[in-house]
Amino acid sequence: MSDPRPTAAAQGARQSEESAIKRFFRATEVDTRMLGMLGALFLIWIAFHLLSDGRFLTARNLWNLSVQTSSVAIMSTGMVLIIVTRHIDLSVGSILGFVAMIMGVSQTGFLADMFGSGSAMIWFSALLIGMCLGALIGGLHGAIIAYLGVPAFIVTLGGLLVWRGAAWWVTSGQTVAPMDPTFRLMGGGPYGSIGAFWSWVVAAIACLGIVAMLYQGRRNRTRFGFPQRPVWAEVTLAAVGCGSVLLAVAVANSYAWPKGIVRRYATANGIEVPDGGLFIAHGIAIPVLIAISVGIIMTFITTRTRFGRYVFAMGGNPEAAELAGINTRWVTTRIFILMGVLCAIAGAISTARLNASTNAQGTLDELLVIAAAVIGGTSLGGGVGTIVGAMIGAVVMQSLQSGMVLLGVDAPFQNVVVGIVLVLAVWLDGLYRRRSI
């Protein structure tokens, strides 16, 4: 009868393998929770690709997925700060809808009369009006929460109802269209993309940025006497980061303009279309570039500024933060102002994509935004959260919706899935925090 216990050699091999994995994570300092989230995302993609007969992991669907994710990803970066400080914002979808309606009315109304149809000032002025209005609404919410002591849940729940009703009241329920042609570029599409050449330029800049960031981090560690990552770990991180960027750009550049638009473009510009057809790549969409820019700026704010340190200090221990001299009320107000501005940017992208302002814009977006932040590692207990994680969480949520659309799942059941994922994410967050203690 054989001994069921593993042999000493097998145990030694297993321990050696485990220690090698642990050494790798320790050397590269990879966030294992973030890595697990990326693994779950890839599993979702593969599952939908197989269930949809190979339609999910195509250049067209992935490009559309990136555009559809942009508005939720932008708002999720602001939701991170709100949840980190132990608040919640249920009004982001309604703020988006109201501000989008105001931007639409502005373009089709007094801005067109003021600057003339087709003026470049129209899109800029409309966006500026939207951002200022979003800041005012966010500031109002933040002031009520911080200075009047009304819980954020109640204030933003009231805002959800008020601003949704206000969006209807502006036009008595009518849809406003069309938008300014330049404004529409923020929504993506063939003309709302930067093309193959400039996409590769952006990729090159991104790769240089990754290498520069790793080099600067190494210099800072040396300067302050912190332990260094091994050189092979730095090279691995640079290779993975640059490889991911180049792969994403390659996918974006492999998605061609539709044939009808190509023919019209060729005719308008005197280009002869060859027998095999003319290939014009979309490249990176402008809303994706906006979302990435917002993510970079928000990451800088949260990790490199005094305001960002105050936010996480308040989330970790509000009483200690106040005793340390932090003006917690003003910081809270500023967080909600920032959230309002981000809602306005997301509303501009949504309006540009639709080429219209409608009363349904932003409906249930608050659930997607909160779920994206929580899935991305933002703790509802406060004090913990990352901008990159929230944006990846937004990709996860939009991937679920996109995949269900490809499978022909009805919209009500899609909401069921989103609700289940949100509850599951909160449960996993609690489980992770208990194990971390």
Foldseek 3Di string as FASTA:
>chain_A
DDDPDDDPVVVVVVVVVVVVVVVLCVLLVDDVLLVVLVVVLVVLQVVLCVLLVNPCPALVNVQVLLLVLLLLLLLLLLQLLQLQLLAAALALLLLLQLLLLQLLCQQVPDLCVVQNAQDPVSLVVSLVSSLVVLLVVLLVLLLCCQPVVDGSVVSNVVNNVVSLVNSCVVPVFDKGFFGRPVLLLLQFAQNVFDWLPVLVVVLVVQLVVLLVVLVVVQVVCVVVVHDHRDPVSSVVSSCVRSVVSVVSQVSQQVAFHDQVVQVVVCVVVVHDADPVGDGIGRGRGNSSVVSVVSLVVSQCCLPPDPLNVLSLVSSVPVVVSVVVPDPVSVSSSVSSSSSSSSSSSSSSNVCSNVSIRGSCGSVVSSLLSLQLFLSLQRASSHNDGGSVSSSSSSSSLSSLVSSCVSVVHDPVVNVVVSVVSSVVSNVVNVVVVVVVD
